[in-house]
Amino acid sequence: MPNKAVFVLLDGLQSIYAKEHLGYLEHLSQTNRAAKYEVLGNLPSSSRPMYETIFTGVEAYEHGITNNGICRLSNQKHLFELLKQAHKKSLACAYYWISELYLSAPFDKERDIWHQDSNSMIDRGFFYYEDCFPDSHLYSLTSCLMGKEDYDFVFIHPMSIDDAGHRFGAGSKEYSRAIMQNDYQLSTYIPQWIQQGYSVVVGADHGMSANGYHGGNSEEQRKTALYIIDENVQKGVQSQELTTLDIAPLLCHLLKLHPTKKMKNLEVKFDD
């Protein structure tokens, strides 16, 4: 096991459209080169609460980030803190709400768009602040930075799927096109990441309704997909359904980090 991982969070990806449009990742899971799980996202199915749940393994009622308007640093032990304590190096290319949770809040677009401080929770970071920032640029920037320095954990957070969903609704041509464009990027970069010795996890924070909303309790707003590429994971399409709470212990396992006491036991199946 390489003990380093790339985690791609496809913001706003509904499960049914992952199956329909992520042809490369579906190919990997059907040919037993990756594992695929269905995920029932935790509530509320809103972005900022789910970012905190993903990186802490804690429900919103406990971590306190209960809506998108709460702008403060995390008060829980989170994955970036565990990485720092283990002397592992992290890179995040993500929406600015990640910076507000784990680096500095509120976000200052002139000061915080680029972050470089090995004494902070995240060693290097690029944080965009407009939802329409091109995903293709985000992938290429991340690849460029990965070529300049070695990282144990790389977080990539594209926003175009969520943006298209809000503008046009799930099932629209625009929403489908954004997913397919991410599939193209992933089919380009995942082989490179594997060659560099990374395990790869691709998931989502929530789904999207046909009306362009999320936050509530319908399956279309909560159901997402999770793909795992690792030499020791039990591969193929899995029948077991996971939740957002399973992502933090999964990443800890891949990175050889000790999970916090608040994280649930690992549900993803490995051979090791």
C-alpha atoms as a PDB file:
ATOM      1  CA  MET A   1       0.000   0.000   0.000  1.00  0.00           C
ATOM      2  CA  PRO A   2       1.505   3.361  -1.015  1.00  0.00           C
ATOM      3  CA  ASN A   3       0.244   5.278   2.065  1.00  0.00           C
ATOM      4  CA  LYS A   4      -0.520   8.363  -0.014  1.00  0.00           C
ATOM      5  CA  ALA A   5      -3.789   9.334  -1.654  1.00  0.00           C
ATOM      6  CA  VAL A   6      -5.529  11.695  -4.045  1.00  0.00           C
ATOM      7  CA  PHE A   7      -9.100  12.554  -3.068  1.00  0.00           C
ATOM      8  CA  VAL A   8     -11.335  14.156  -5.698  1.00  0.00           C
ATOM      9  CA  LEU A   9     -14.623  15.605  -4.424  1.00  0.00           C
ATOM     10  CA  LEU A  10     -17.036  16.109  -7.339  1.00  0.00           C
ATOM     11  CA  ASP A  11     -19.317  18.672  -5.751  1.00  0.00           C
ATOM     12  CA  GLY A  12     -23.008  18.054  -6.410  1.00  0.00           C
ATOM     13  CA  LEU A  13     -22.706  14.698  -8.197  1.00  0.00           C
ATOM     14  CA  GLN A  14     -25.947  12.702  -8.073  1.00  0.00           C
ATOM     15  CA  SER A  15     -25.488   8.931  -8.098  1.00  0.00           C
ATOM     16  CA  ILE A  16     -27.617   8.099 -11.127  1.00  0.00           C
ATOM     17  CA  TYR A  17     -25.676  10.548 -13.279  1.00  0.00           C
ATOM     18  CA  ALA A  18     -22.356   9.229 -12.013  1.00  0.00           C
ATOM     19  CA  LYS A  19     -23.381   5.859 -13.448  1.00  0.00           C
ATOM     20  CA  GLU A  20     -24.614   7.441 -16.649  1.00  0.00           C
ATOM     21  CA  HIS A  21     -21.699   9.773 -17.389  1.00  0.00           C
ATOM     22  CA  LEU A  22     -18.545   8.702 -15.494  1.00  0.00           C
ATOM     23  CA  GLY A  23     -17.653   6.128 -18.106  1.00  0.00           C
ATOM     24  CA  TYR A  24     -13.996   5.792 -17.164  1.00  0.00           C
ATOM     25  CA  LEU A  25     -14.643   5.201 -13.455  1.00  0.00           C
ATOM     26  CA  GLU A  26     -17.514   2.854 -14.255  1.00  0.00           C
ATOM     27  CA  HIS A  27     -15.131   0.978 -16.571  1.00  0.00           C
ATOM     28  CA  LEU A  28     -12.580   0.597 -13.773  1.00  0.00           C
ATOM     29  CA  SER A  29     -15.175  -0.764 -11.344  1.00  0.00           C
ATOM     30  CA  GLN A  30     -16.703  -3.156 -13.896  1.00  0.00           C
ATOM     31  CA  THR A  31     -13.275  -4.550 -14.828  1.00  0.00           C
ATOM     32  CA  ASN A  32     -12.295  -5.042 -11.159  1.00  0.00           C
ATOM     33  CA  ARG A  33      -9.674  -2.307 -11.135  1.00  0.00           C
ATOM     34  CA  ALA A  34     -11.618  -0.151  -8.670  1.00  0.00           C
ATOM     35  CA  ALA A  35     -14.327  -0.466  -6.058  1.00  0.00           C
ATOM     36  CA  LYS A  36     -17.619   1.367  -6.403  1.00  0.00           C
ATOM     37  CA  TYR A  37     -20.051   2.055  -3.569  1.00  0.00           C
ATOM     38  CA  GLU A  38     -23.376   3.854  -3.471  1.00  0.00           C
ATOM     39  CA  VAL A  39     -23.413   6.523  -0.761  1.00  0.00           C
ATOM     40  CA  LEU A  40     -26.426   7.916   1.070  1.00  0.00           C
ATOM     41  CA  GLY A  41     -25.170  11.350   2.104  1.00  0.00           C
ATOM     42  CA  ASN A  42     -25.775  12.589   5.611  1.00  0.00           C
ATOM     43  CA  LEU A  43     -28.068  15.512   6.392  1.00  0.00           C
ATOM     44  CA  PRO A  44     -28.347  18.345   5.789  1.00  0.00           C
ATOM     45  CA  SER A  45     -27.329  17.669   2.175  1.00  0.00           C
ATOM     46  CA  SER A  46     -25.614  21.059   1.935  1.00  0.00           C
ATOM     47  CA  SER A  47     -22.021  21.701   0.967  1.00  0.00           C
ATOM     48  CA  ARG A  48     -20.310  23.276   3.960  1.00  0.00           C
ATOM     49  CA  PRO A  49     -21.854  20.898   6.529  1.00  0.00           C
ATOM     50  CA  MET A  50     -20.843  17.921   4.382  1.00  0.00           C
ATOM     51  CA  TYR A  51     -17.279  19.187   3.894  1.00  0.00           C
ATOM     52  CA  GLU A  52     -16.896  19.171   7.665  1.00  0.00           C
ATOM     53  CA  THR A  53     -18.525  15.744   7.975  1.00  0.00           C
ATOM     54  CA  ILE A  54     -16.276  14.341   5.242  1.00  0.00           C
ATOM     55  CA  PHE A  55     -13.063  15.521   6.893  1.00  0.00           C
ATOM     56  CA  THR A  56     -14.021  14.826  10.518  1.00  0.00           C
ATOM     57  CA  GLY A  57     -16.347  11.813  10.332  1.00  0.00           C
ATOM     58  CA  VAL A  58     -18.776  13.675  12.603  1.00  0.00           C
ATOM     59  CA  GLU A  59     -22.483  14.455  12.103  1.00  0.00           C
ATOM     60  CA  ALA A  60     -23.581  18.071  11.603  1.00  0.00           C
ATOM     61  CA  TYR A  61     -25.489  18.243  14.888  1.00  0.00           C
ATOM     62  CA  GLU A  62     -22.194  17.622  16.688  1.00  0.00           C
ATOM     63  CA  HIS A  63     -19.669  19.574  14.616  1.00  0.00           C
ATOM     64  CA  GLY A  64     -21.999  22.564  14.416  1.00  0.00           C
ATOM     65  CA  ILE A  65     -21.556  23.505  10.749  1.00  0.00           C
ATOM     66  CA  THR A  66     -25.270  23.132  10.123  1.00  0.00           C
ATOM     67  CA  ASN A  67     -25.713  25.403   7.089  1.00  0.00           C
ATOM     68  CA  ASN A  68     -23.691  27.112   4.387  1.00  0.00           C
ATOM     69  CA  GLY A  69     -23.786  30.468   6.150  1.00  0.00           C
ATOM     70  CA  ILE A  70     -21.711  29.401   9.158  1.00  0.00           C
ATOM     71  CA  CYS A  71     -18.221  30.762   8.507  1.00  0.00           C
ATOM     72  CA  ARG A  72     -15.666  29.648  11.089  1.00  0.00           C
ATOM     73  CA  LEU A  73     -12.798  27.247  11.564  1.00  0.00           C
ATOM     74  CA  SER A  74     -13.547  23.638  12.408  1.00  0.00           C
ATOM     75  CA  ASN A  75     -13.662  22.872  16.123  1.00  0.00           C
ATOM     76  CA  GLN A  76     -13.237  19.132  15.561  1.00  0.00           C
ATOM     77  CA  LYS A  77     -10.173  16.972  14.993  1.00  0.00           C
ATOM     78  CA  HIS A  78     -10.025  16.623  11.212  1.00  0.00           C
ATOM     79  CA  LEU A  79      -8.033  14.825   8.540  1.00  0.00           C
ATOM     80  CA  PHE A  80      -5.652  17.709   7.866  1.00  0.00           C
ATOM     81  CA  GLU A  81      -4.784  17.872  11.570  1.00  0.00           C
ATOM     82  CA  LEU A  82      -4.116  14.124  11.618  1.00  0.00           C
ATOM     83  CA  LEU A  83      -1.855  14.517   8.583  1.00  0.00           C
ATOM     84  CA  LYS A  84       0.062  17.304  10.278  1.00  0.00           C
ATOM     85  CA  GLN A  85       0.526  15.284  13.459  1.00  0.00           C
ATOM     86  CA  ALA A  86       1.873  12.381  11.391  1.00  0.00           C
ATOM     87  CA  HIS A  87       4.317  14.716   9.580  1.00  0.00           C
ATOM     88  CA  LYS A  88       2.587  14.102   6.257  1.00  0.00           C
ATOM     89  CA  LYS A  89       2.425  16.797   3.584  1.00  0.00           C
ATOM     90  CA  SER A  90      -0.870  17.979   2.087  1.00  0.00           C
ATOM     91  CA  LEU A  91      -1.996  19.925  -0.980  1.00  0.00           C
ATOM     92  CA  ALA A  92      -5.528  21.265  -1.475  1.00  0.00           C
ATOM     93  CA  CYS A  93      -6.893  22.834  -4.669  1.00  0.00           C
ATOM     94  CA  ALA A  94     -10.418  23.587  -3.615  1.00  0.00           C
ATOM     95  CA  TYR A  95     -13.327  25.979  -3.150  1.00  0.00           C
ATOM     96  CA  TYR A  96     -12.621  28.685  -0.596  1.00  0.00           C
ATOM     97  CA  TRP A  97     -14.962  27.228   2.016  1.00  0.00           C
ATOM     98  CA  ILE A  98     -12.288  24.573   2.621  1.00  0.00           C
ATOM     99  CA  SER A  99      -9.847  27.358   3.505  1.00  0.00           C
ATOM    100  CA  GLU A 100     -12.402  28.830   5.898  1.00  0.00           C
ATOM    101  CA  LEU A 101     -12.845  25.495   7.661  1.00  0.00           C
ATOM    102  CA  TYR A 102      -9.182  24.506   8.029  1.00  0.00           C
ATOM    103  CA  LEU A 103      -6.965  27.582   7.560  1.00  0.00           C
ATOM    104  CA  SER A 104      -8.502  31.030   8.071  1.00  0.00           C
ATOM    105  CA  ALA A 105     -11.985  32.531   8.310  1.00  0.00           C
ATOM    106  CA  PRO A 106     -13.365  34.650   6.807  1.00  0.00           C
ATOM    107  CA  PHE A 107     -11.653  34.191   3.441  1.00  0.00           C
ATOM    108  CA  ASP A 108      -9.698  37.137   2.032  1.00  0.00           C
ATOM    109  CA  LYS A 109      -9.529  36.702  -1.749  1.00  0.00           C
ATOM    110  CA  GLU A 110      -6.359  38.799  -2.060  1.00  0.00           C
ATOM    111  CA  ARG A 111      -4.527  37.074   0.788  1.00  0.00           C
ATOM    112  CA  ASP A 112      -5.875  33.529   0.902  1.00  0.00           C
ATOM    113  CA  ILE A 113      -6.231  32.452  -2.745  1.00  0.00           C
ATOM    114  CA  TRP A 114      -2.717  30.949  -2.550  1.00  0.00           C
ATOM    115  CA  HIS A 115      -1.521  29.329   0.663  1.00  0.00           C
ATOM    116  CA  GLN A 116       1.989  28.160   1.464  1.00  0.00           C
ATOM    117  CA  ASP A 117       2.820  27.446   5.088  1.00  0.00           C
ATOM    118  CA  SER A 118       4.154  24.107   6.299  1.00  0.00           C
ATOM    119  CA  ASN A 119       3.341  25.068   9.893  1.00  0.00           C
ATOM    120  CA  SER A 120      -0.390  25.303   9.150  1.00  0.00           C
ATOM    121  CA  MET A 121      -2.930  22.511   8.804  1.00  0.00           C
ATOM    122  CA  ILE A 122      -2.556  22.437   4.990  1.00  0.00           C
ATOM    123  CA  ASP A 123       0.946  22.801   3.569  1.00  0.00           C
ATOM    124  CA  ARG A 124       0.023  24.161   0.136  1.00  0.00           C
ATOM    125  CA  GLY A 125      -3.294  25.336  -1.231  1.00  0.00           C
ATOM    126  CA  PHE A 126      -5.048  27.126  -4.059  1.00  0.00           C
ATOM    127  CA  PHE A 127      -8.552  28.303  -3.168  1.00  0.00           C
ATOM    128  CA  TYR A 128     -10.878  29.713  -5.828  1.00  0.00           C
ATOM    129  CA  TYR A 129     -13.880  31.823  -4.884  1.00  0.00           C
ATOM    130  CA  GLU A 130     -16.173  31.777  -7.938  1.00  0.00           C
ATOM    131  CA  ASP A 131     -18.269  28.688  -8.670  1.00  0.00           C
ATOM    132  CA  CYS A 132     -17.589  28.979 -12.406  1.00  0.00           C
ATOM    133  CA  PHE A 133     -13.802  28.518 -12.039  1.00  0.00           C
ATOM    134  CA  PRO A 134     -12.905  25.991 -14.796  1.00  0.00           C
ATOM    135  CA  ASP A 135     -12.432  22.433 -13.581  1.00  0.00           C
ATOM    136  CA  SER A 136      -9.855  21.807 -16.319  1.00  0.00           C
ATOM    137  CA  HIS A 137      -7.670  24.578 -14.896  1.00  0.00           C
ATOM    138  CA  LEU A 138      -7.996  23.118 -11.416  1.00  0.00           C
ATOM    139  CA  TYR A 139      -6.817  19.675 -12.550  1.00  0.00           C
ATOM    140  CA  SER A 140      -3.896  21.054 -14.555  1.00  0.00           C
ATOM    141  CA  LEU A 141      -2.825  23.364 -11.713  1.00  0.00           C
ATOM    142  CA  THR A 142      -2.901  20.451  -9.280  1.00  0.00           C
ATOM    143  CA  SER A 143      -0.860  18.328 -11.677  1.00  0.00           C
ATOM    144  CA  CYS A 144       1.669  21.143 -12.030  1.00  0.00           C
ATOM    145  CA  LEU A 145       2.046  21.497  -8.259  1.00  0.00           C
ATOM    146  CA  MET A 146       2.333  17.727  -7.802  1.00  0.00           C
ATOM    147  CA  GLY A 147       5.188  17.769 -10.306  1.00  0.00           C
ATOM    148  CA  LYS A 148       7.093  20.362  -8.284  1.00  0.00           C
ATOM    149  CA  GLU A 149       6.787  18.771  -4.814  1.00  0.00           C
ATOM    150  CA  ASP A 150       5.880  15.423  -3.294  1.00  0.00           C
ATOM    151  CA  TYR A 151       2.683  15.206  -1.253  1.00  0.00           C
ATOM    152  CA  ASP A 152       1.180  12.491   0.909  1.00  0.00           C
ATOM    153  CA  PHE A 153      -2.388  13.750   0.471  1.00  0.00           C
ATOM    154  CA  VAL A 154      -3.819  15.725  -2.438  1.00  0.00           C
ATOM    155  CA  PHE A 155      -7.365  17.126  -2.328  1.00  0.00           C
ATOM    156  CA  ILE A 156      -9.009  18.293  -5.575  1.00  0.00           C
ATOM    157  CA  HIS A 157     -12.415  19.933  -5.416  1.00  0.00           C
ATOM    158  CA  PRO A 158     -14.072  20.868  -8.755  1.00  0.00           C
ATOM    159  CA  MET A 159     -17.298  22.893  -8.648  1.00  0.00           C
ATOM    160  CA  SER A 160     -18.711  22.895 -12.199  1.00  0.00           C
ATOM    161  CA  ILE A 161     -21.123  19.972 -11.625  1.00  0.00           C
ATOM    162  CA  ASP A 162     -22.716  21.706  -8.653  1.00  0.00           C
ATOM    163  CA  ASP A 163     -22.745  25.040 -10.495  1.00  0.00           C
ATOM    164  CA  ALA A 164     -24.465  23.534 -13.556  1.00  0.00           C
ATOM    165  CA  GLY A 165     -26.934  21.726 -11.305  1.00  0.00           C
ATOM    166  CA  HIS A 166     -27.969  24.936  -9.573  1.00  0.00           C
ATOM    167  CA  ARG A 167     -28.265  26.807 -12.858  1.00  0.00           C
ATOM    168  CA  PHE A 168     -30.021  24.173 -14.959  1.00  0.00           C
ATOM    169  CA  GLY A 169     -31.025  21.255 -12.698  1.00  0.00           C
ATOM    170  CA  ALA A 170     -29.917  17.640 -12.527  1.00  0.00           C
ATOM    171  CA  GLY A 171     -30.581  15.846 -15.791  1.00  0.00           C
ATOM    172  CA  SER A 172     -29.998  18.947 -17.902  1.00  0.00           C
ATOM    173  CA  LYS A 173     -27.547  18.885 -20.790  1.00  0.00           C
ATOM    174  CA  GLU A 174     -25.359  21.349 -18.909  1.00  0.00           C
ATOM    175  CA  TYR A 175     -25.255  19.193 -15.771  1.00  0.00           C
ATOM    176  CA  SER A 176     -24.476  16.067 -17.789  1.00  0.00           C
ATOM    177  CA  ARG A 177     -21.787  17.876 -19.763  1.00  0.00           C
ATOM    178  CA  ALA A 178     -20.039  19.007 -16.565  1.00  0.00           C
ATOM    179  CA  ILE A 179     -19.913  15.400 -15.328  1.00  0.00           C
ATOM    180  CA  MET A 180     -18.594  14.125 -18.652  1.00  0.00           C
ATOM    181  CA  GLN A 181     -15.905  16.815 -18.682  1.00  0.00           C
ATOM    182  CA  ASN A 182     -14.765  15.665 -15.246  1.00  0.00           C
ATOM    183  CA  ASP A 183     -14.713  12.083 -16.473  1.00  0.00           C
ATOM    184  CA  TYR A 184     -12.405  13.210 -19.286  1.00  0.00           C
ATOM    185  CA  GLN A 185     -10.091  14.916 -16.798  1.00  0.00           C
ATOM    186  CA  LEU A 186     -10.099  11.928 -14.457  1.00  0.00           C
ATOM    187  CA  SER A 187      -9.359   9.501 -17.277  1.00  0.00           C
ATOM    188  CA  THR A 188      -6.361  11.685 -18.122  1.00  0.00           C
ATOM    189  CA  TYR A 189      -4.930  12.168 -14.633  1.00  0.00           C
ATOM    190  CA  ILE A 190      -5.843   9.008 -12.686  1.00  0.00           C
ATOM    191  CA  PRO A 191      -3.355   6.832 -14.644  1.00  0.00           C
ATOM    192  CA  GLN A 192      -0.688   9.431 -13.855  1.00  0.00           C
ATOM    193  CA  TRP A 193      -1.561   9.416 -10.159  1.00  0.00           C
ATOM    194  CA  ILE A 194      -1.464   5.630 -10.039  1.00  0.00           C
ATOM    195  CA  GLN A 195       1.935   5.712 -11.750  1.00  0.00           C
ATOM    196  CA  GLN A 196       3.102   8.152  -9.058  1.00  0.00           C
ATOM    197  CA  GLY A 197       2.086   5.664  -6.360  1.00  0.00           C
ATOM    198  CA  TYR A 198      -1.166   7.212  -5.161  1.00  0.00           C
ATOM    199  CA  SER A 199      -4.360   5.524  -4.122  1.00  0.00           C
ATOM    200  CA  VAL A 200      -7.299   7.446  -5.602  1.00  0.00           C
ATOM    201  CA  VAL A 201     -10.722   8.169  -4.112  1.00  0.00           C
ATOM    202  CA  VAL A 202     -13.445   9.949  -6.096  1.00  0.00           C
ATOM    203  CA  GLY A 203     -16.623  10.919  -4.269  1.00  0.00           C
ATOM    204  CA  ALA A 204     -19.168  13.680  -3.705  1.00  0.00           C
ATOM    205  CA  ASP A 205     -20.686  15.699  -0.897  1.00  0.00           C
ATOM    206  CA  HIS A 206     -24.340  15.560  -2.012  1.00  0.00           C
ATOM    207  CA  GLY A 207     -26.559  15.089  -5.031  1.00  0.00           C
ATOM    208  CA  MET A 208     -28.852  17.508  -6.856  1.00  0.00           C
ATOM    209  CA  SER A 209     -32.560  17.818  -7.581  1.00  0.00           C
ATOM    210  CA  ALA A 210     -34.101  18.359 -10.995  1.00  0.00           C
ATOM    211  CA  ASN A 211     -35.072  21.827  -9.775  1.00  0.00           C
ATOM    212  CA  GLY A 212     -31.443  22.664  -9.015  1.00  0.00           C
ATOM    213  CA  TYR A 213     -31.456  22.354  -5.238  1.00  0.00           C
ATOM    214  CA  HIS A 214     -29.991  20.242  -2.461  1.00  0.00           C
ATOM    215  CA  GLY A 215     -30.030  20.335   1.321  1.00  0.00           C
ATOM    216  CA  GLY A 216     -33.063  18.168   1.983  1.00  0.00           C
ATOM    217  CA  ASN A 217     -33.907  14.524   2.464  1.00  0.00           C
ATOM    218  CA  SER A 218     -34.847  13.220  -0.987  1.00  0.00           C
ATOM    219  CA  GLU A 219     -32.718  10.508  -2.565  1.00  0.00           C
ATOM    220  CA  GLU A 220     -31.834  12.700  -5.537  1.00  0.00           C
ATOM    221  CA  GLN A 221     -30.332  15.245  -3.130  1.00  0.00           C
ATOM    222  CA  ARG A 222     -28.534  12.679  -0.955  1.00  0.00           C
ATOM    223  CA  LYS A 223     -27.476   9.763  -3.186  1.00  0.00           C
ATOM    224  CA  THR A 224     -23.914   9.923  -4.497  1.00  0.00           C
ATOM    225  CA  ALA A 225     -21.224   7.481  -5.594  1.00  0.00           C
ATOM    226  CA  LEU A 226     -17.772   6.590  -4.283  1.00  0.00           C
ATOM    227  CA  TYR A 227     -14.945   5.077  -6.360  1.00  0.00           C
ATOM    228  CA  ILE A 228     -11.766   3.698  -4.756  1.00  0.00           C
ATOM    229  CA  ILE A 229      -8.611   2.721  -6.609  1.00  0.00           C
ATOM    230  CA  ASP A 230      -6.178   0.925  -4.314  1.00  0.00           C
ATOM    231  CA  GLU A 231      -4.259  -2.304  -4.725  1.00  0.00           C
ATOM    232  CA  ASN A 232      -5.786  -3.861  -1.616  1.00  0.00           C
ATOM    233  CA  VAL A 233      -9.423  -2.761  -1.853  1.00  0.00           C
ATOM    234  CA  GLN A 234     -12.009  -5.418  -2.702  1.00  0.00           C
ATOM    235  CA  LYS A 235     -12.831  -4.377  -6.238  1.00  0.00           C
ATOM    236  CA  GLY A 236     -15.967  -4.267  -8.334  1.00  0.00           C
ATOM    237  CA  VAL A 237     -19.451  -2.847  -7.782  1.00  0.00           C
ATOM    238  CA  GLN A 238     -20.297  -3.384  -4.117  1.00  0.00           C
ATOM    239  CA  SER A 239     -23.803  -4.048  -2.813  1.00  0.00           C
ATOM    240  CA  GLN A 240     -23.202  -2.393   0.559  1.00  0.00           C
ATOM    241  CA  GLU A 241     -24.390   1.215   0.881  1.00  0.00           C
ATOM    242  CA  LEU A 242     -22.145   3.690   2.696  1.00  0.00           C
ATOM    243  CA  THR A 243     -22.724   7.177   4.129  1.00  0.00           C
ATOM    244  CA  THR A 244     -20.650  10.343   4.152  1.00  0.00           C
ATOM    245  CA  LEU A 245     -19.354   9.296   7.582  1.00  0.00           C
ATOM    246  CA  ASP A 246     -17.394   6.479   5.915  1.00  0.00           C
ATOM    247  CA  ILE A 247     -15.083   8.779   3.952  1.00  0.00           C
ATOM    248  CA  ALA A 248     -12.916  10.005   6.851  1.00  0.00           C
ATOM    249  CA  PRO A 249     -12.015   6.518   8.165  1.00  0.00           C
ATOM    250  CA  LEU A 250     -11.410   5.379   4.576  1.00  0.00           C
ATOM    251  CA  LEU A 251      -8.905   8.173   3.971  1.00  0.00           C
ATOM    252  CA  CYS A 252      -7.254   7.471   7.331  1.00  0.00           C
ATOM    253  CA  HIS A 253      -6.837   3.829   6.320  1.00  0.00           C
ATOM    254  CA  LEU A 254      -5.278   4.706   2.968  1.00  0.00           C
ATOM    255  CA  LEU A 255      -2.930   7.236   4.573  1.00  0.00           C
ATOM    256  CA  LYS A 256      -2.023   4.996   7.528  1.00  0.00           C
ATOM    257  CA  LEU A 257      -3.391   7.525  10.012  1.00  0.00           C
ATOM    258  CA  HIS A 258      -5.011   6.655  13.329  1.00  0.00           C
ATOM    259  CA  PRO A 259      -8.701   7.644  13.083  1.00  0.00           C
ATOM    260  CA  THR A 260     -10.180   9.781  15.816  1.00  0.00           C
ATOM    261  CA  LYS A 261     -12.425   8.254  18.470  1.00  0.00           C
ATOM    262  CA  LYS A 262     -15.416   9.997  16.878  1.00  0.00           C
ATOM    263  CA  MET A 263     -14.942   8.333  13.507  1.00  0.00           C
ATOM    264  CA  LYS A 264     -16.929   5.183  12.817  1.00  0.00           C
ATOM    265  CA  ASN A 265     -15.285   1.843  12.109  1.00  0.00           C
ATOM    266  CA  LEU A 266     -14.067   1.274   8.564  1.00  0.00           C
ATOM    267  CA  GLU A 267     -16.867  -0.204   6.419  1.00  0.00           C
ATOM    268  CA  VAL A 268     -15.022  -0.333   3.086  1.00  0.00           C
ATOM    269  CA  LYS A 269     -13.726  -3.855   2.409  1.00  0.00           C
ATOM    270  CA  PHE A 270      -9.991  -4.428   2.024  1.00  0.00           C
ATOM    271  CA  ASP A 271      -7.967  -7.605   1.570  1.00  0.00           C
ATOM    272  CA  ASP A 272      -5.193  -6.514   3.946  1.00  0.00           C
END
